[in-house]
Amino acid sequence: MRIKVLAAAGLILLGIVVFSIYLGSNNESVPDDKGIIQKIEVKNSSFLEVSEDWDGFETVIIDTDKLRKAADNGQVTLSLMGEEFEVRIQEVSRQNGKNGENAYFYIGSIVGSKQSRAELYIEGEIFHGSVELGEPWNVTYNIAHTDERYNGKIVHVMFMIDWEKERERLEQEDIDPLQFFLINSDSRKHVISIEIFDFNNKSIFKETYTLGFEDEISSPKIDAELGQYRYEIILDNNSTFEQKVQADHATNLCSSEKLYINLIDHPEYPMEIGIEVA
């Protein structure tokens, strides 16, 4: 049986990665004390493909009705990978869900941790959640639904990120170089100058390009340090534009931002600027 994690609501989860799990036939469910989350014990596990950024994960089924009722009452006990945490609900909103059911969004914090934050989203049987514990734990638990069922219930995946371990992993990663791409979609020829300044306002790159209709140019890869960089763009020795980008570690979840500049035939807005994160 194949389990595929579906895209989670962007405002809740950070860095969800699509992956697959193949469950063996000898599975048992282990309920938590409150009966909201039931862990699925996978006994036949010769199959897993998970993100190297996760510091642990579990497959679970969730009683969303019981979870919603507890959240509506203002406090929820969640069993997260063997640890129980009391979530005090502080904000509640309701909206129309994609599947025609009411969707409930809860924001709260962990009792005893001022730096914590919990975001819970429920739509029918579907649950997305992110619980950031803050000090002294410095870990985040994320929960996303899959397209598979177990005993009639939707299978969810809970995974943990330990931010101290994540920092150590990032320190071992190289910085992804900066790069930009130029496209001329205008019928006229254009001259464009690009200069890049670092966070100390020091110029690290400067070049001028001439582009005819449908010309495309890719810049060389530009070595950078971790931080924010400023692009100064001069079009036809006349109009000046600025854009900031972030240089980051080359990881699975994020990397340095790539700048795309498309020249177009428009009297007020002669270029389209986009940023892509690989």
C-alpha atoms as a PDB file:
ATOM      1  CA  MET A   1       0.000   0.000   0.000  1.00  0.00           C
ATOM      2  CA  ARG A   2       1.557   3.291  -1.084  1.00  0.00           C
ATOM      3  CA  ILE A   3       1.244   6.470   0.956  1.00  0.00           C
ATOM      4  CA  LYS A   4       1.821   9.798  -0.742  1.00  0.00           C
ATOM      5  CA  VAL A   5       1.940  12.993   1.294  1.00  0.00           C
ATOM      6  CA  LEU A   6      -0.301  15.658  -0.208  1.00  0.00           C
ATOM      7  CA  ALA A   7       0.487  19.375  -0.310  1.00  0.00           C
ATOM      8  CA  ALA A   8      -0.260  20.971   3.065  1.00  0.00           C
ATOM      9  CA  ALA A   9      -1.657  24.459   3.643  1.00  0.00           C
ATOM     10  CA  GLY A  10       1.224  26.872   3.152  1.00  0.00           C
ATOM     11  CA  LEU A  11       0.394  29.038   6.140  1.00  0.00           C
ATOM     12  CA  ILE A  12       0.784  26.080   8.449  1.00  0.00           C
ATOM     13  CA  LEU A  13       3.632  23.869   7.327  1.00  0.00           C
ATOM     14  CA  LEU A  14       7.172  24.770   6.484  1.00  0.00           C
ATOM     15  CA  GLY A  15       9.139  22.638   4.041  1.00  0.00           C
ATOM     16  CA  ILE A  16       6.810  19.715   3.455  1.00  0.00           C
ATOM     17  CA  VAL A  17       8.473  17.246   1.096  1.00  0.00           C
ATOM     18  CA  VAL A  18       6.543  14.742  -1.013  1.00  0.00           C
ATOM     19  CA  PHE A  19       7.558  11.189  -0.179  1.00  0.00           C
ATOM     20  CA  SER A  20       6.258   7.632  -0.304  1.00  0.00           C
ATOM     21  CA  ILE A  21       5.852   4.914   2.294  1.00  0.00           C
ATOM     22  CA  TYR A  22       4.974   1.277   1.738  1.00  0.00           C
ATOM     23  CA  LEU A  23       3.262  -0.290   4.737  1.00  0.00           C
ATOM     24  CA  GLY A  24       3.638  -3.912   5.642  1.00  0.00           C
ATOM     25  CA  SER A  25       0.656  -6.098   6.366  1.00  0.00           C
ATOM     26  CA  ASN A  26       1.281  -6.460  10.119  1.00  0.00           C
ATOM     27  CA  ASN A  27       0.384  -3.016  11.470  1.00  0.00           C
ATOM     28  CA  GLU A  28      -1.115  -2.143  14.828  1.00  0.00           C
ATOM     29  CA  SER A  29      -2.596   1.126  16.057  1.00  0.00           C
ATOM     30  CA  VAL A  30      -1.447   2.522  19.395  1.00  0.00           C
ATOM     31  CA  PRO A  31      -3.797   5.216  20.794  1.00  0.00           C
ATOM     32  CA  ASP A  32      -2.567   8.101  22.918  1.00  0.00           C
ATOM     33  CA  ASP A  33      -4.167   8.721  26.350  1.00  0.00           C
ATOM     34  CA  LYS A  34      -6.685  11.209  24.957  1.00  0.00           C
ATOM     35  CA  GLY A  35      -7.596   9.118  21.910  1.00  0.00           C
ATOM     36  CA  ILE A  36      -6.999  11.957  19.428  1.00  0.00           C
ATOM     37  CA  ILE A  37      -3.835  10.618  17.776  1.00  0.00           C
ATOM     38  CA  GLN A  38      -3.212   6.931  17.139  1.00  0.00           C
ATOM     39  CA  LYS A  39       0.230   5.872  16.041  1.00  0.00           C
ATOM     40  CA  ILE A  40       0.442   3.190  13.329  1.00  0.00           C
ATOM     41  CA  GLU A  41       3.269   0.813  14.208  1.00  0.00           C
ATOM     42  CA  VAL A  42       4.973  -0.342  11.004  1.00  0.00           C
ATOM     43  CA  LYS A  43       6.518  -3.761  11.604  1.00  0.00           C
ATOM     44  CA  ASN A  44       7.639  -4.486   8.062  1.00  0.00           C
ATOM     45  CA  SER A  45       9.891  -1.511   7.260  1.00  0.00           C
ATOM     46  CA  SER A  46      12.141  -2.324   4.315  1.00  0.00           C
ATOM     47  CA  PHE A  47      10.676   0.502   2.270  1.00  0.00           C
ATOM     48  CA  LEU A  48      11.107   4.006   3.675  1.00  0.00           C
ATOM     49  CA  GLU A  49      12.035   7.089   1.692  1.00  0.00           C
ATOM     50  CA  VAL A  50      12.040  10.158   3.968  1.00  0.00           C
ATOM     51  CA  SER A  51      13.749  13.537   4.087  1.00  0.00           C
ATOM     52  CA  GLU A  52      17.212  13.679   5.645  1.00  0.00           C
ATOM     53  CA  ASP A  53      16.102  16.894   7.391  1.00  0.00           C
ATOM     54  CA  TRP A  54      13.644  14.987   9.567  1.00  0.00           C
ATOM     55  CA  ASP A  55      14.822  13.951  13.024  1.00  0.00           C
ATOM     56  CA  GLY A  56      12.096  11.375  13.450  1.00  0.00           C
ATOM     57  CA  PHE A  57       8.662  10.587  12.048  1.00  0.00           C
ATOM     58  CA  GLU A  58       5.550   8.509  12.682  1.00  0.00           C
ATOM     59  CA  THR A  59       2.510   7.474  10.673  1.00  0.00           C
ATOM     60  CA  VAL A  60      -0.710   8.165  12.572  1.00  0.00           C
ATOM     61  CA  ILE A  61      -4.479   8.358  12.273  1.00  0.00           C
ATOM     62  CA  ILE A  62      -6.324  11.269  13.898  1.00  0.00           C
ATOM     63  CA  ASP A  63      -9.804  11.640  15.382  1.00  0.00           C
ATOM     64  CA  THR A  64     -10.473  15.104  13.914  1.00  0.00           C
ATOM     65  CA  ASP A  65     -13.933  15.360  15.522  1.00  0.00           C
ATOM     66  CA  LYS A  66     -12.481  14.894  18.998  1.00  0.00           C
ATOM     67  CA  LEU A  67      -9.620  17.245  18.171  1.00  0.00           C
ATOM     68  CA  ARG A  68     -11.958  19.992  16.936  1.00  0.00           C
ATOM     69  CA  LYS A  69     -14.235  19.711  19.993  1.00  0.00           C
ATOM     70  CA  ALA A  70     -11.270  19.986  22.354  1.00  0.00           C
ATOM     71  CA  ALA A  71      -9.905  22.971  20.420  1.00  0.00           C
ATOM     72  CA  ASP A  72     -13.321  24.654  20.523  1.00  0.00           C
ATOM     73  CA  ASN A  73     -13.233  24.273  24.311  1.00  0.00           C
ATOM     74  CA  GLY A  74      -9.917  26.145  24.396  1.00  0.00           C
ATOM     75  CA  GLN A  75      -7.330  23.489  25.201  1.00  0.00           C
ATOM     76  CA  VAL A  76      -6.017  20.346  23.481  1.00  0.00           C
ATOM     77  CA  THR A  77      -3.737  17.592  24.737  1.00  0.00           C
ATOM     78  CA  LEU A  78      -1.547  16.337  21.892  1.00  0.00           C
ATOM     79  CA  SER A  79       0.703  13.296  22.021  1.00  0.00           C
ATOM     80  CA  LEU A  80       3.660  14.134  19.778  1.00  0.00           C
ATOM     81  CA  MET A  81       6.069  11.257  19.249  1.00  0.00           C
ATOM     82  CA  GLY A  82       5.842  10.008  22.813  1.00  0.00           C
ATOM     83  CA  GLU A  83       5.598  13.412  24.529  1.00  0.00           C
ATOM     84  CA  GLU A  84       2.349  15.027  25.677  1.00  0.00           C
ATOM     85  CA  PHE A  85       1.827  18.773  25.358  1.00  0.00           C
ATOM     86  CA  GLU A  86      -1.088  20.973  26.388  1.00  0.00           C
ATOM     87  CA  VAL A  87      -2.013  23.470  23.671  1.00  0.00           C
ATOM     88  CA  ARG A  88      -3.991  26.513  24.840  1.00  0.00           C
ATOM     89  CA  ILE A  89      -6.063  27.901  21.951  1.00  0.00           C
ATOM     90  CA  GLN A  90      -5.940  31.692  21.561  1.00  0.00           C
ATOM     91  CA  GLU A  91      -7.451  32.348  18.114  1.00  0.00           C
ATOM     92  CA  VAL A  92     -10.159  30.502  16.176  1.00  0.00           C
ATOM     93  CA  SER A  93     -11.417  31.103  12.632  1.00  0.00           C
ATOM     94  CA  ARG A  94     -13.747  29.215  10.316  1.00  0.00           C
ATOM     95  CA  GLN A  95     -13.840  29.282   6.537  1.00  0.00           C
ATOM     96  CA  ASN A  96     -15.187  27.312   3.601  1.00  0.00           C
ATOM     97  CA  GLY A  97     -12.903  24.385   2.811  1.00  0.00           C
ATOM     98  CA  LYS A  98     -11.903  23.144  -0.621  1.00  0.00           C
ATOM     99  CA  ASN A  99     -14.041  20.021  -0.294  1.00  0.00           C
ATOM    100  CA  GLY A 100     -17.224  21.898   0.601  1.00  0.00           C
ATOM    101  CA  GLU A 101     -16.866  21.273   4.338  1.00  0.00           C
ATOM    102  CA  ASN A 102     -16.205  23.856   7.006  1.00  0.00           C
ATOM    103  CA  ALA A 103     -12.499  24.366   7.688  1.00  0.00           C
ATOM    104  CA  TYR A 104     -11.338  25.338  11.174  1.00  0.00           C
ATOM    105  CA  PHE A 105      -8.059  27.121  11.898  1.00  0.00           C
ATOM    106  CA  TYR A 106      -6.702  27.353  15.447  1.00  0.00           C
ATOM    107  CA  ILE A 107      -3.695  29.268  16.754  1.00  0.00           C
ATOM    108  CA  GLY A 108      -2.334  28.713  20.231  1.00  0.00           C
ATOM    109  CA  SER A 109       0.717  28.044  22.359  1.00  0.00           C
ATOM    110  CA  ILE A 110       2.157  25.304  24.544  1.00  0.00           C
ATOM    111  CA  VAL A 111       1.322  25.685  28.222  1.00  0.00           C
ATOM    112  CA  GLY A 112       4.560  26.642  30.014  1.00  0.00           C
ATOM    113  CA  SER A 113       6.416  27.923  26.940  1.00  0.00           C
ATOM    114  CA  LYS A 114       5.996  31.587  25.978  1.00  0.00           C
ATOM    115  CA  GLN A 115       8.017  31.171  22.770  1.00  0.00           C
ATOM    116  CA  SER A 116       5.920  28.285  21.465  1.00  0.00           C
ATOM    117  CA  ARG A 117       3.338  28.414  18.685  1.00  0.00           C
ATOM    118  CA  ALA A 118       0.778  25.892  17.495  1.00  0.00           C
ATOM    119  CA  GLU A 119      -1.227  26.098  14.257  1.00  0.00           C
ATOM    120  CA  LEU A 120      -3.961  23.521  13.693  1.00  0.00           C
ATOM    121  CA  TYR A 121      -6.097  23.212  10.557  1.00  0.00           C
ATOM    122  CA  ILE A 122      -9.042  20.810  10.362  1.00  0.00           C
ATOM    123  CA  GLU A 123     -11.255  20.151   7.344  1.00  0.00           C
ATOM    124  CA  GLY A 124     -13.447  17.104   7.767  1.00  0.00           C
ATOM    125  CA  GLU A 125     -11.117  14.133   8.232  1.00  0.00           C
ATOM    126  CA  ILE A 126      -8.086  16.107   7.061  1.00  0.00           C
ATOM    127  CA  PHE A 127      -5.662  17.659   9.534  1.00  0.00           C
ATOM    128  CA  HIS A 128      -2.584  19.807   9.042  1.00  0.00           C
ATOM    129  CA  GLY A 129      -0.585  20.979  12.022  1.00  0.00           C
ATOM    130  CA  SER A 130       2.624  22.651  13.074  1.00  0.00           C
ATOM    131  CA  VAL A 131       3.688  22.807  16.722  1.00  0.00           C
ATOM    132  CA  GLU A 132       6.830  24.795  17.490  1.00  0.00           C
ATOM    133  CA  LEU A 133       7.826  24.157  21.083  1.00  0.00           C
ATOM    134  CA  GLY A 134      10.297  26.991  21.642  1.00  0.00           C
ATOM    135  CA  GLU A 135      12.743  26.962  24.563  1.00  0.00           C
ATOM    136  CA  PRO A 136      14.059  24.707  25.943  1.00  0.00           C
ATOM    137  CA  TRP A 137      13.017  22.073  23.378  1.00  0.00           C
ATOM    138  CA  ASN A 138      13.823  23.933  20.114  1.00  0.00           C
ATOM    139  CA  VAL A 139      11.973  21.393  18.014  1.00  0.00           C
ATOM    140  CA  THR A 140       9.009  21.601  15.632  1.00  0.00           C
ATOM    141  CA  TYR A 141       6.461  18.875  14.943  1.00  0.00           C
ATOM    142  CA  ASN A 142       4.603  18.928  11.609  1.00  0.00           C
ATOM    143  CA  ILE A 143       1.633  16.797  10.596  1.00  0.00           C
ATOM    144  CA  ALA A 144       0.337  16.349   7.028  1.00  0.00           C
ATOM    145  CA  HIS A 145      -2.307  14.087   5.523  1.00  0.00           C
ATOM    146  CA  THR A 146      -1.708  11.473   2.840  1.00  0.00           C
ATOM    147  CA  ASP A 147      -3.924   9.972   0.144  1.00  0.00           C
ATOM    148  CA  GLU A 148      -4.101   6.579   1.897  1.00  0.00           C
ATOM    149  CA  ARG A 149      -6.423   5.140   4.528  1.00  0.00           C
ATOM    150  CA  TYR A 150      -5.903   2.740   7.415  1.00  0.00           C
ATOM    151  CA  ASN A 151      -8.966   0.989   8.894  1.00  0.00           C
ATOM    152  CA  GLY A 152     -11.115   3.533   7.056  1.00  0.00           C
ATOM    153  CA  LYS A 153      -9.290   6.600   8.410  1.00  0.00           C
ATOM    154  CA  ILE A 154      -6.969   8.943   6.528  1.00  0.00           C
ATOM    155  CA  VAL A 155      -3.299   8.265   7.267  1.00  0.00           C
ATOM    156  CA  HIS A 156      -1.312  11.277   8.456  1.00  0.00           C
ATOM    157  CA  VAL A 157       2.445  11.660   8.808  1.00  0.00           C
ATOM    158  CA  MET A 158       4.021  13.383  11.811  1.00  0.00           C
ATOM    159  CA  PHE A 159       7.662  14.413  11.555  1.00  0.00           C
ATOM    160  CA  MET A 160      10.019  16.341  13.816  1.00  0.00           C
ATOM    161  CA  ILE A 161      12.771  18.866  13.093  1.00  0.00           C
ATOM    162  CA  ASP A 162      15.349  19.502  15.823  1.00  0.00           C
ATOM    163  CA  TRP A 163      16.582  23.042  15.088  1.00  0.00           C
ATOM    164  CA  GLU A 164      19.906  22.586  16.893  1.00  0.00           C
ATOM    165  CA  LYS A 165      20.675  19.572  14.697  1.00  0.00           C
ATOM    166  CA  GLU A 166      19.389  21.505  11.670  1.00  0.00           C
ATOM    167  CA  ARG A 167      21.806  24.350  12.460  1.00  0.00           C
ATOM    168  CA  GLU A 168      24.676  21.853  12.677  1.00  0.00           C
ATOM    169  CA  ARG A 169      23.665  20.352   9.338  1.00  0.00           C
ATOM    170  CA  LEU A 170      23.476  23.778   7.705  1.00  0.00           C
ATOM    171  CA  GLU A 171      26.939  24.716   8.949  1.00  0.00           C
ATOM    172  CA  GLN A 172      28.297  21.784   6.972  1.00  0.00           C
ATOM    173  CA  GLU A 173      26.523  22.861   3.776  1.00  0.00           C
ATOM    174  CA  ASP A 174      28.031  25.157   1.143  1.00  0.00           C
ATOM    175  CA  ILE A 175      26.411  28.481   0.310  1.00  0.00           C
ATOM    176  CA  ASP A 176      24.411  28.231  -2.917  1.00  0.00           C
ATOM    177  CA  PRO A 177      25.797  30.811  -5.409  1.00  0.00           C
ATOM    178  CA  LEU A 178      23.752  33.741  -6.693  1.00  0.00           C
ATOM    179  CA  GLN A 179      22.583  33.717 -10.303  1.00  0.00           C
ATOM    180  CA  PHE A 180      20.274  35.798 -12.508  1.00  0.00           C
ATOM    181  CA  PHE A 181      18.581  35.294 -15.878  1.00  0.00           C
ATOM    182  CA  LEU A 182      17.707  37.906 -18.526  1.00  0.00           C
ATOM    183  CA  ILE A 183      15.002  37.540 -21.186  1.00  0.00           C
ATOM    184  CA  ASN A 184      14.048  40.142 -23.798  1.00  0.00           C
ATOM    185  CA  SER A 185      10.384  39.716 -24.769  1.00  0.00           C
ATOM    186  CA  ASP A 186      10.292  43.202 -26.282  1.00  0.00           C
ATOM    187  CA  SER A 187      10.743  43.675 -30.043  1.00  0.00           C
ATOM    188  CA  ARG A 188      13.281  46.445 -29.386  1.00  0.00           C
ATOM    189  CA  LYS A 189      16.950  46.011 -28.499  1.00  0.00           C
ATOM    190  CA  HIS A 190      17.855  46.882 -24.899  1.00  0.00           C
ATOM    191  CA  VAL A 191      20.985  47.548 -22.885  1.00  0.00           C
ATOM    192  CA  ILE A 192      20.847  46.439 -19.274  1.00  0.00           C
ATOM    193  CA  SER A 193      23.483  46.876 -16.559  1.00  0.00           C
ATOM    194  CA  ILE A 194      23.514  44.668 -13.452  1.00  0.00           C
ATOM    195  CA  GLU A 195      25.514  45.458 -10.316  1.00  0.00           C
ATOM    196  CA  ILE A 196      25.281  43.368  -7.143  1.00  0.00           C
ATOM    197  CA  PHE A 197      26.095  44.746  -3.681  1.00  0.00           C
ATOM    198  CA  ASP A 198      26.626  42.651  -0.559  1.00  0.00           C
ATOM    199  CA  PHE A 199      25.287  43.357   2.953  1.00  0.00           C
ATOM    200  CA  ASN A 200      28.217  45.769   3.523  1.00  0.00           C
ATOM    201  CA  ASN A 201      27.206  47.676   0.370  1.00  0.00           C
ATOM    202  CA  LYS A 202      30.344  46.431  -1.402  1.00  0.00           C
ATOM    203  CA  SER A 203      30.032  45.712  -5.132  1.00  0.00           C
ATOM    204  CA  ILE A 204      30.746  42.037  -5.893  1.00  0.00           C
ATOM    205  CA  PHE A 205      29.575  41.896  -9.534  1.00  0.00           C
ATOM    206  CA  LYS A 206      29.045  44.369 -12.391  1.00  0.00           C
ATOM    207  CA  GLU A 207      28.266  43.696 -16.047  1.00  0.00           C
ATOM    208  CA  THR A 208      26.415  45.258 -19.004  1.00  0.00           C
ATOM    209  CA  TYR A 209      24.464  43.229 -21.558  1.00  0.00           C
ATOM    210  CA  THR A 210      22.848  44.004 -24.913  1.00  0.00           C
ATOM    211  CA  LEU A 211      19.782  41.917 -25.735  1.00  0.00           C
ATOM    212  CA  GLY A 212      17.909  41.672 -29.022  1.00  0.00           C
ATOM    213  CA  PHE A 213      14.393  40.313 -29.403  1.00  0.00           C
ATOM    214  CA  GLU A 214      13.967  36.899 -27.671  1.00  0.00           C
ATOM    215  CA  ASP A 215      17.590  36.882 -26.487  1.00  0.00           C
ATOM    216  CA  GLU A 216      18.169  35.033 -23.216  1.00  0.00           C
ATOM    217  CA  ILE A 217      21.245  35.344 -21.000  1.00  0.00           C
ATOM    218  CA  SER A 218      22.237  33.376 -17.904  1.00  0.00           C
ATOM    219  CA  SER A 219      24.750  34.975 -15.597  1.00  0.00           C
ATOM    220  CA  PRO A 220      27.730  33.071 -14.244  1.00  0.00           C
ATOM    221  CA  LYS A 221      27.316  31.596 -10.776  1.00  0.00           C
ATOM    222  CA  ILE A 222      28.408  34.231  -8.283  1.00  0.00           C
ATOM    223  CA  ASP A 223      29.996  33.145  -4.995  1.00  0.00           C
ATOM    224  CA  ALA A 224      28.284  34.621  -1.965  1.00  0.00           C
ATOM    225  CA  GLU A 225      28.162  34.499   1.814  1.00  0.00           C
ATOM    226  CA  LEU A 226      25.049  33.917   3.873  1.00  0.00           C
ATOM    227  CA  GLY A 227      22.936  37.077   3.833  1.00  0.00           C
ATOM    228  CA  GLN A 228      20.930  39.522   1.736  1.00  0.00           C
ATOM    229  CA  TYR A 229      22.238  41.078  -1.487  1.00  0.00           C
ATOM    230  CA  ARG A 230      21.005  44.087  -3.466  1.00  0.00           C
ATOM    231  CA  TYR A 231      20.743  44.162  -7.261  1.00  0.00           C
ATOM    232  CA  GLU A 232      20.961  47.546  -8.965  1.00  0.00           C
ATOM    233  CA  ILE A 233      19.495  47.280 -12.472  1.00  0.00           C
ATOM    234  CA  ILE A 234      19.884  50.088 -15.041  1.00  0.00           C
ATOM    235  CA  LEU A 235      17.843  49.766 -18.237  1.00  0.00           C
ATOM    236  CA  ASP A 236      18.951  51.627 -21.401  1.00  0.00           C
ATOM    237  CA  ASN A 237      21.152  53.959 -19.331  1.00  0.00           C
ATOM    238  CA  ASN A 238      17.968  55.594 -18.070  1.00  0.00           C
ATOM    239  CA  SER A 239      15.667  53.736 -15.660  1.00  0.00           C
ATOM    240  CA  THR A 240      17.100  52.327 -12.417  1.00  0.00           C
ATOM    241  CA  PHE A 241      15.530  49.484 -10.448  1.00  0.00           C
ATOM    242  CA  GLU A 242      16.528  47.669  -7.262  1.00  0.00           C
ATOM    243  CA  GLN A 243      15.807  44.173  -6.031  1.00  0.00           C
ATOM    244  CA  LYS A 244      17.010  42.298  -2.918  1.00  0.00           C
ATOM    245  CA  VAL A 245      17.710  38.565  -2.838  1.00  0.00           C
ATOM    246  CA  GLN A 246      18.785  36.153  -0.133  1.00  0.00           C
ATOM    247  CA  ALA A 247      21.888  33.942  -0.315  1.00  0.00           C
ATOM    248  CA  ASP A 248      21.301  30.708   1.567  1.00  0.00           C
ATOM    249  CA  HIS A 249      22.688  27.245   2.155  1.00  0.00           C
ATOM    250  CA  ALA A 250      22.334  24.689  -0.624  1.00  0.00           C
ATOM    251  CA  THR A 251      19.855  22.308   1.033  1.00  0.00           C
ATOM    252  CA  ASN A 252      16.879  20.182   0.059  1.00  0.00           C
ATOM    253  CA  LEU A 253      14.370  22.632   1.521  1.00  0.00           C
ATOM    254  CA  CYS A 254      15.783  25.931   0.322  1.00  0.00           C
ATOM    255  CA  SER A 255      18.701  27.580  -1.468  1.00  0.00           C
ATOM    256  CA  SER A 256      19.787  31.010  -2.685  1.00  0.00           C
ATOM    257  CA  GLU A 257      17.158  33.016  -4.525  1.00  0.00           C
ATOM    258  CA  LYS A 258      17.524  33.232  -8.308  1.00  0.00           C
ATOM    259  CA  LEU A 259      16.538  36.486 -10.024  1.00  0.00           C
ATOM    260  CA  TYR A 260      14.601  36.482 -13.319  1.00  0.00           C
ATOM    261  CA  ILE A 261      14.315  39.689 -15.368  1.00  0.00           C
ATOM    262  CA  ASN A 262      11.995  39.772 -18.380  1.00  0.00           C
ATOM    263  CA  LEU A 263      12.035  42.908 -20.559  1.00  0.00           C
ATOM    264  CA  ILE A 264       8.593  43.731 -21.963  1.00  0.00           C
ATOM    265  CA  ASP A 265       6.908  46.349 -24.130  1.00  0.00           C
ATOM    266  CA  HIS A 266       5.196  48.499 -21.491  1.00  0.00           C
ATOM    267  CA  PRO A 267       5.616  52.290 -21.160  1.00  0.00           C
ATOM    268  CA  GLU A 268       5.434  52.344 -17.336  1.00  0.00           C
ATOM    269  CA  TYR A 269       6.672  48.887 -16.336  1.00  0.00           C
ATOM    270  CA  PRO A 270       9.365  47.848 -18.852  1.00  0.00           C
ATOM    271  CA  MET A 271      10.478  44.759 -16.947  1.00  0.00           C
ATOM    272  CA  GLU A 272       8.989  41.855 -15.016  1.00  0.00           C
ATOM    273  CA  ILE A 273      11.066  40.717 -12.062  1.00  0.00           C
ATOM    274  CA  GLY A 274      10.619  37.322 -10.431  1.00  0.00           C
ATOM    275  CA  ILE A 275      12.450  35.403  -7.723  1.00  0.00           C
ATOM    276  CA  GLU A 276      12.766  31.636  -7.606  1.00  0.00           C
ATOM    277  CA  VAL A 277      13.938  29.449  -4.720  1.00  0.00           C
ATOM    278  CA  ALA A 278      15.064  25.994  -5.817  1.00  0.00           C
END
